[in-house]
Amino acid sequence: MTTAVAKRDPRITTAMELMRLMQGRLAAALPDGCGITAKRLAQIAVVTVAQNKDLLAAIQHSPDAFCLAVMRAAMWGLDPSGLTMEGYLVPFKNHGTPSVQFMPGYRGMVKVIHRSGVVSSVFAEVVCEGDVFEFDLLSSRQPKHVPNLSPGRRKRDIVAVYAFARMHGGGHQMVVLTRDEIEHFRSFSKMGKSGPWVDHWEEMAKKTALFRLA
C-alpha cells in the first residue's frame, strides 16, 4: 500500500529515500536497549509522514528538518509515530515555511527515565478539581492522591500535575506543577498550539512534569 501511494506522491518517495540514506546514522544514534532498530524507525517515519498532509508539506519544503527530527527520535530511542505516545513528529510553520520537529511524549519520558537505571519506579498523574491530593516534598512517602471518580471527572478542570520517582537504593524525587505553570511551559513550545498539546493535553502535561523531574 505504501509503495502504491509513493508512486502517486513524490514526497513519500523522497521520505523513503532520505530514510534509506540515513539508516546508518540512525543505527549509530540509537541508545543500547531501546527496543527499536534503525530499519524499523525509518519505516515508522515514512508511514507517519504518508498519513499526515502537514508532514508531507514539511518534507517538500524542509527535508533537512524532517531528517533532524527523525535523528532526534533516534537519539531518544523512541517511536515517533504518536500511536504509542512515546514521541511525535509534529508539523509547524517556521516563519511561514512548513517544518517538523520531534517531541517526546509521556510514555517516552517514562521509558527514557527507566532506561537510565537510576530509578526503581516512576510515574506522573494529573490532579482534577475535587480530588484529594496531599504531599510533602521533604517526605520520602508517595503523595496521597484519591481521585474523585464521580461522572465527568475528566471534564473537570485539571488543577495540577505531579511526577514521582523512587530511586534504586532509596530516596525519591518529586515535582508538582500547577496548571498555570504547565501552560507557561507550553507557551514556549513552537508546537504549543497544535499536535499533541491540542490532542493529548493531559499526556503532555504529565510529560512536562517528568521532564522537570528528569
Foldseek 3Di string as FASTA:
>chain_A
DLVVVCVVQVLLVLLLVLLVVCLVVLQVQADPPLPDHSVRLSVLLSVLCSVDVLSSQQSVFPVVLSSVQSSVCSNLSHRQNCPVQQKHFDWFADVNGIHTHIDGWLVVLQSSVVVVVFFPDKFKAWAFPPWDWADDQVDQDDIDIGHDPDPPRVVGDGFKMKMKTATVPGDIFMDIGTPVRLVVVLVPDSCSPDDCCVVPVRRRRRNVNSVVRD
